[in-house]
PDB file of all heavy atoms in Angstrom:
ATOM      1  N   LEU A   1      34.545 -24.055   9.507  1.00  0.00           N
ATOM      2  CA  LEU A   1      33.459 -24.783   8.887  1.00  0.00           C
ATOM      3  C   LEU A   1      32.405 -23.909   8.222  1.00  0.00           C
ATOM      4  O   LEU A   1      31.686 -24.302   7.303  1.00  0.00           O
ATOM      5  CB  LEU A   1      32.736 -25.681   9.925  1.00  0.00           C
ATOM      6  CG  LEU A   1      33.649 -26.865  10.457  1.00  0.00           C
ATOM      7  CD1 LEU A   1      33.019 -27.496  11.666  1.00  0.00           C
ATOM      8  CD2 LEU A   1      33.884 -27.904   9.353  1.00  0.00           C
ATOM      9  N   TRP A   2      32.211 -22.718   8.758  1.00  0.00           N
ATOM     10  CA  TRP A   2      31.130 -21.818   8.288  1.00  0.00           C
ATOM     11  C   TRP A   2      31.082 -21.604   6.744  1.00  0.00           C
ATOM     12  O   TRP A   2      29.989 -21.703   6.164  1.00  0.00           O
ATOM     13  CB  TRP A   2      31.188 -20.439   9.065  1.00  0.00           C
ATOM     14  CG  TRP A   2      30.078 -19.551   8.752  1.00  0.00           C
ATOM     15  CD1 TRP A   2      30.107 -18.400   8.019  1.00  0.00           C
ATOM     16  CD2 TRP A   2      28.668 -19.768   9.142  1.00  0.00           C
ATOM     17  NE1 TRP A   2      28.794 -17.845   7.937  1.00  0.00           N
ATOM     18  CE2 TRP A   2      27.981 -18.674   8.657  1.00  0.00           C
ATOM     19  CE3 TRP A   2      28.012 -20.757   9.870  1.00  0.00           C
ATOM     20  CZ2 TRP A   2      26.591 -18.542   8.863  1.00  0.00           C
ATOM     21  CZ3 TRP A   2      26.677 -20.611  10.041  1.00  0.00           C
ATOM     22  CH2 TRP A   2      25.940 -19.511   9.574  1.00  0.00           C
ATOM     23  N   PRO A   3      32.182 -21.356   6.101  1.00  0.00           N
ATOM     24  CA  PRO A   3      32.077 -21.173   4.600  1.00  0.00           C
ATOM     25  C   PRO A   3      31.451 -22.340   3.904  1.00  0.00           C
ATOM     26  O   PRO A   3      30.824 -22.169   2.842  1.00  0.00           O
ATOM     27  CB  PRO A   3      33.538 -20.981   4.206  1.00  0.00           C
ATOM     28  CG  PRO A   3      34.190 -20.420   5.432  1.00  0.00           C
ATOM     29  CD  PRO A   3      33.568 -21.149   6.554  1.00  0.00           C
ATOM     30  N   ALA A   4      31.563 -23.549   4.417  1.00  0.00           N
ATOM     31  CA  ALA A   4      30.999 -24.749   3.750  1.00  0.00           C
ATOM     32  C   ALA A   4      29.472 -24.805   3.870  1.00  0.00           C
ATOM     33  O   ALA A   4      28.845 -25.604   3.200  1.00  0.00           O
ATOM     34  CB  ALA A   4      31.597 -26.005   4.423  1.00  0.00           C
ATOM     35  N   THR A   5      28.896 -23.839   4.627  1.00  0.00           N
ATOM     36  CA  THR A   5      27.442 -23.801   4.738  1.00  0.00           C
ATOM     37  C   THR A   5      26.777 -22.789   3.796  1.00  0.00           C
ATOM     38  O   THR A   5      25.550 -22.588   3.863  1.00  0.00           O
ATOM     39  CB  THR A   5      27.038 -23.446   6.191  1.00  0.00           C
ATOM     40  OG1 THR A   5      27.405 -22.123   6.510  1.00  0.00           O
ATOM     41  CG2 THR A   5      27.675 -24.440   7.177  1.00  0.00           C
ATOM     42  N   GLU A   6      27.596 -22.165   2.960  1.00  0.00           N
ATOM     43  CA  GLU A   6      27.107 -21.141   2.025  1.00  0.00           C
ATOM     44  C   GLU A   6      25.837 -21.673   1.266  1.00  0.00           C
ATOM     45  O   GLU A   6      25.822 -22.794   0.786  1.00  0.00           O
ATOM     46  CB  GLU A   6      28.116 -20.757   1.035  1.00  0.00           C
ATOM     47  CG  GLU A   6      27.769 -19.741   0.064  1.00  0.00           C
ATOM     48  CD  GLU A   6      27.575 -18.324   0.627  1.00  0.00           C
ATOM     49  OE1 GLU A   6      28.389 -18.021   1.557  1.00  0.00           O
ATOM     50  OE2 GLU A   6      26.646 -17.604   0.259  1.00  0.00           O
ATOM     51  N   GLY A   7      24.757 -20.916   1.283  1.00  0.00           N
ATOM     52  CA  GLY A   7      23.537 -21.330   0.650  1.00  0.00           C
ATOM     53  C   GLY A   7      22.626 -22.188   1.472  1.00  0.00           C
ATOM     54  O   GLY A   7      21.585 -22.720   0.996  1.00  0.00           O
ATOM     55  N   ALA A   8      23.041 -22.464   2.748  1.00  0.00           N
ATOM     56  CA  ALA A   8      22.230 -23.406   3.605  1.00  0.00           C
ATOM     57  C   ALA A   8      22.286 -22.794   5.050  1.00  0.00           C
ATOM     58  O   ALA A   8      22.730 -23.441   5.976  1.00  0.00           O
ATOM     59  CB  ALA A   8      22.843 -24.761   3.583  1.00  0.00           C
ATOM     60  N   ARG A   9      21.819 -21.554   5.177  1.00  0.00           N
ATOM     61  CA  ARG A   9      21.930 -20.922   6.431  1.00  0.00           C
ATOM     62  C   ARG A   9      20.629 -20.282   6.877  1.00  0.00           C
ATOM     63  O   ARG A   9      19.828 -19.914   6.086  1.00  0.00           O
ATOM     64  CB  ARG A   9      22.988 -19.740   6.392  1.00  0.00           C
ATOM     65  CG  ARG A   9      24.381 -20.200   6.102  1.00  0.00           C
ATOM     66  CD  ARG A   9      25.303 -19.058   5.922  1.00  0.00           C
ATOM     67  NE  ARG A   9      26.612 -19.528   5.641  1.00  0.00           N
ATOM     68  CZ  ARG A   9      27.606 -18.830   5.167  1.00  0.00           C
ATOM     69  NH1 ARG A   9      27.372 -17.509   4.859  1.00  0.00           N
ATOM     70  NH2 ARG A   9      28.770 -19.290   4.904  1.00  0.00           N
ATOM     71  N   VAL A  10      20.484 -20.129   8.228  1.00  0.00           N
ATOM     72  CA  VAL A  10      19.387 -19.281   8.779  1.00  0.00           C
ATOM     73  C   VAL A  10      20.034 -18.441   9.881  1.00  0.00           C
ATOM     74  O   VAL A  10      20.980 -18.793  10.561  1.00  0.00           O
ATOM     75  CB  VAL A  10      18.223 -20.117   9.379  1.00  0.00           C
ATOM     76  CG1 VAL A  10      17.487 -20.908   8.356  1.00  0.00           C
ATOM     77  CG2 VAL A  10      18.705 -21.037  10.488  1.00  0.00           C
ATOM     78  N   THR A  11      19.414 -17.238   9.992  1.00  0.00           N
ATOM     79  CA  THR A  11      19.827 -16.332  11.111  1.00  0.00           C
ATOM     80  C   THR A  11      18.538 -15.985  11.826  1.00  0.00           C
ATOM     81  O   THR A  11      17.459 -15.839  11.221  1.00  0.00           O
ATOM     82  CB  THR A  11      20.512 -15.107  10.615  1.00  0.00           C
ATOM     83  OG1 THR A  11      19.673 -14.354   9.764  1.00  0.00           O
ATOM     84  CG2 THR A  11      21.885 -15.403  10.000  1.00  0.00           C
ATOM     85  N   LYS A  12      18.636 -15.925  13.114  1.00  0.00           N
ATOM     86  CA  LYS A  12      17.453 -15.657  13.976  1.00  0.00           C
ATOM     87  C   LYS A  12      17.876 -15.126  15.303  1.00  0.00           C
ATOM     88  O   LYS A  12      19.010 -15.131  15.706  1.00  0.00           O
ATOM     89  CB  LYS A  12      16.622 -16.954  14.129  1.00  0.00           C
ATOM     90  CG  LYS A  12      17.438 -18.133  14.645  1.00  0.00           C
ATOM     91  CD  LYS A  12      16.672 -19.399  14.545  1.00  0.00           C
ATOM     92  CE  LYS A  12      17.479 -20.637  15.013  1.00  0.00           C
ATOM     93  NZ  LYS A  12      16.665 -21.857  14.925  1.00  0.00           N
ATOM     94  N   SER A  13      16.870 -14.578  16.043  1.00  0.00           N
ATOM     95  CA  SER A  13      17.030 -14.225  17.409  1.00  0.00           C
ATOM     96  C   SER A  13      16.252 -15.188  18.232  1.00  0.00           C
ATOM     97  O   SER A  13      15.076 -15.484  17.920  1.00  0.00           O
ATOM     98  CB  SER A  13      16.548 -12.797  17.638  1.00  0.00           C
ATOM     99  OG  SER A  13      17.276 -11.859  16.892  1.00  0.00           O
ATOM    100  N   ARG A  14      16.875 -15.736  19.290  1.00  0.00           N
ATOM    101  CA  ARG A  14      16.248 -16.723  20.118  1.00  0.00           C
ATOM    102  C   ARG A  14      15.911 -16.144  21.489  1.00  0.00           C
ATOM    103  O   ARG A  14      16.752 -15.556  22.120  1.00  0.00           O
ATOM    104  CB  ARG A  14      17.088 -17.992  20.250  1.00  0.00           C
ATOM    105  CG  ARG A  14      16.506 -19.033  21.194  1.00  0.00           C
ATOM    106  CD  ARG A  14      17.105 -20.377  21.044  1.00  0.00           C
ATOM    107  NE  ARG A  14      16.399 -21.045  19.994  1.00  0.00           N
ATOM    108  CZ  ARG A  14      16.551 -22.336  19.705  1.00  0.00           C
ATOM    109  NH1 ARG A  14      17.420 -23.085  20.362  1.00  0.00           N
ATOM    110  NH2 ARG A  14      15.900 -22.870  18.694  1.00  0.00           N
ATOM    111  N   TYR A  15      14.665 -16.342  21.949  1.00  0.00           N
ATOM    112  CA  TYR A  15      14.182 -15.864  23.197  1.00  0.00           C
ATOM    113  C   TYR A  15      13.818 -17.067  24.073  1.00  0.00           C
ATOM    114  O   TYR A  15      13.143 -17.973  23.561  1.00  0.00           O
ATOM    115  CB  TYR A  15      12.955 -14.977  23.073  1.00  0.00           C
ATOM    116  CG  TYR A  15      13.146 -13.748  22.298  1.00  0.00           C
ATOM    117  CD1 TYR A  15      13.133 -13.775  20.868  1.00  0.00           C
ATOM    118  CD2 TYR A  15      13.352 -12.515  22.900  1.00  0.00           C
ATOM    119  CE1 TYR A  15      13.331 -12.640  20.119  1.00  0.00           C
ATOM    120  CE2 TYR A  15      13.535 -11.377  22.132  1.00  0.00           C
ATOM    121  CZ  TYR A  15      13.528 -11.415  20.771  1.00  0.00           C
ATOM    122  OH  TYR A  15      13.654 -10.248  20.023  1.00  0.00           O
ATOM    123  N   ALA A  16      14.196 -17.087  25.319  1.00  0.00           N
ATOM    124  CA  ALA A  16      13.804 -18.113  26.277  1.00  0.00           C
ATOM    125  C   ALA A  16      12.610 -17.564  27.084  1.00  0.00           C
ATOM    126  O   ALA A  16      12.805 -16.509  27.781  1.00  0.00           O
ATOM    127  CB  ALA A  16      14.929 -18.523  27.126  1.00  0.00           C
ATOM    128  N   VAL A  17      11.498 -18.204  27.019  1.00  0.00           N
ATOM    129  CA  VAL A  17      10.306 -17.745  27.710  1.00  0.00           C
ATOM    130  C   VAL A  17       9.840 -18.881  28.718  1.00  0.00           C
ATOM    131  O   VAL A  17       9.591 -19.977  28.287  1.00  0.00           O
ATOM    132  CB  VAL A  17       9.133 -17.467  26.723  1.00  0.00           C
ATOM    133  CG1 VAL A  17       7.868 -17.054  27.482  1.00  0.00           C
ATOM    134  CG2 VAL A  17       9.544 -16.402  25.739  1.00  0.00           C
ATOM    135  N   ALA A  18       9.776 -18.507  29.982  1.00  0.00           N
ATOM    136  CA  ALA A  18       9.318 -19.454  31.001  1.00  0.00           C
ATOM    137  C   ALA A  18       7.828 -19.667  30.892  1.00  0.00           C
ATOM    138  O   ALA A  18       7.045 -18.698  30.734  1.00  0.00           O
ATOM    139  CB  ALA A  18       9.652 -18.946  32.424  1.00  0.00           C
ATOM    140  N   LEU A  19       7.444 -20.962  30.823  1.00  0.00           N
ATOM    141  CA  LEU A  19       6.010 -21.307  30.792  1.00  0.00           C
ATOM    142  C   LEU A  19       5.465 -21.591  32.189  1.00  0.00           C
ATOM    143  O   LEU A  19       6.218 -21.967  33.080  1.00  0.00           O
ATOM    144  CB  LEU A  19       5.813 -22.535  29.828  1.00  0.00           C
ATOM    145  CG  LEU A  19       6.202 -22.307  28.369  1.00  0.00           C
ATOM    146  CD1 LEU A  19       6.046 -23.579  27.612  1.00  0.00           C
ATOM    147  CD2 LEU A  19       5.385 -21.207  27.808  1.00  0.00           C
ATOM    148  N   PRO A  20       4.168 -21.443  32.396  1.00  0.00           N
ATOM    149  CA  PRO A  20       3.632 -21.701  33.704  1.00  0.00           C
ATOM    150  C   PRO A  20       3.925 -23.059  34.353  1.00  0.00           C
ATOM    151  O   PRO A  20       3.936 -23.233  35.503  1.00  0.00           O
ATOM    152  CB  PRO A  20       2.118 -21.502  33.578  1.00  0.00           C
ATOM    153  CG  PRO A  20       2.047 -20.623  32.343  1.00  0.00           C
ATOM    154  CD  PRO A  20       3.165 -20.973  31.455  1.00  0.00           C
ATOM    155  N   ASP A  21       4.105 -24.091  33.446  1.00  0.00           N
ATOM    156  CA  ASP A  21       4.314 -25.445  33.946  1.00  0.00           C
ATOM    157  C   ASP A  21       5.781 -25.694  34.273  1.00  0.00           C
ATOM    158  O   ASP A  21       6.224 -26.832  34.590  1.00  0.00           O
ATOM    159  CB  ASP A  21       3.866 -26.493  32.940  1.00  0.00           C
ATOM    160  CG  ASP A  21       4.620 -26.496  31.590  1.00  0.00           C
ATOM    161  OD1 ASP A  21       5.559 -25.674  31.452  1.00  0.00           O
ATOM    162  OD2 ASP A  21       4.238 -27.309  30.742  1.00  0.00           O
ATOM    163  N   GLY A  22       6.648 -24.670  34.200  1.00  0.00           N
ATOM    164  CA  GLY A  22       8.058 -24.799  34.501  1.00  0.00           C
ATOM    165  C   GLY A  22       8.946 -25.113  33.354  1.00  0.00           C
ATOM    166  O   GLY A  22      10.178 -25.038  33.435  1.00  0.00           O
ATOM    167  N   ARG A  23       8.409 -25.355  32.183  1.00  0.00           N
ATOM    168  CA  ARG A  23       9.161 -25.595  30.982  1.00  0.00           C
ATOM    169  C   ARG A  23       9.644 -24.311  30.366  1.00  0.00           C
ATOM    170  O   ARG A  23       9.090 -23.219  30.705  1.00  0.00           O
ATOM    171  CB  ARG A  23       8.330 -26.359  29.920  1.00  0.00           C
ATOM    172  CG  ARG A  23       7.857 -27.731  30.360  1.00  0.00           C
ATOM    173  CD  ARG A  23       7.098 -28.374  29.164  1.00  0.00           C
ATOM    174  NE  ARG A  23       6.207 -29.409  29.696  1.00  0.00           N
ATOM    175  CZ  ARG A  23       6.583 -30.582  30.220  1.00  0.00           C
ATOM    176  NH1 ARG A  23       7.847 -30.850  30.328  1.00  0.00           N
ATOM    177  NH2 ARG A  23       5.696 -31.452  30.626  1.00  0.00           N
ATOM    178  N   THR A  24      10.561 -24.414  29.422  1.00  0.00           N
ATOM    179  CA  THR A  24      11.012 -23.202  28.756  1.00  0.00           C
ATOM    180  C   THR A  24      10.648 -23.330  27.297  1.00  0.00           C
ATOM    181  O   THR A  24      10.839 -24.357  26.642  1.00  0.00           O
ATOM    182  CB  THR A  24      12.513 -23.093  28.905  1.00  0.00           C
ATOM    183  OG1 THR A  24      12.915 -22.956  30.193  1.00  0.00           O
ATOM    184  CG2 THR A  24      13.082 -21.891  28.091  1.00  0.00           C
ATOM    185  N   ALA A  25      10.010 -22.324  26.724  1.00  0.00           N
ATOM    186  CA  ALA A  25       9.725 -22.203  25.361  1.00  0.00           C
ATOM    187  C   ALA A  25      10.806 -21.377  24.651  1.00  0.00           C
ATOM    188  O   ALA A  25      11.203 -20.327  25.162  1.00  0.00           O
ATOM    189  CB  ALA A  25       8.337 -21.489  25.132  1.00  0.00           C
ATOM    190  N   HIS A  26      11.336 -21.880  23.579  1.00  0.00           N
ATOM    191  CA  HIS A  26      12.392 -21.185  22.812  1.00  0.00           C
ATOM    192  C   HIS A  26      11.728 -20.608  21.605  1.00  0.00           C
ATOM    193  O   HIS A  26      11.308 -21.300  20.674  1.00  0.00           O
ATOM    194  CB  HIS A  26      13.543 -22.164  22.422  1.00  0.00           C
ATOM    195  CG  HIS A  26      14.218 -22.697  23.659  1.00  0.00           C
ATOM    196  ND1 HIS A  26      15.185 -21.917  24.322  1.00  0.00           N
ATOM    197  CD2 HIS A  26      14.135 -23.862  24.305  1.00  0.00           C
ATOM    198  CE1 HIS A  26      15.644 -22.630  25.357  1.00  0.00           C
ATOM    199  NE2 HIS A  26      14.963 -23.752  25.379  1.00  0.00           N
TER     200      HIS A  26
END
């Protein structure tokens, strides 16, 4: 499927950060 996304892509690095209230921030 990847070739069909040409021209409509993002690349990123995702970090999971624990918040004081127990939630996770991405």
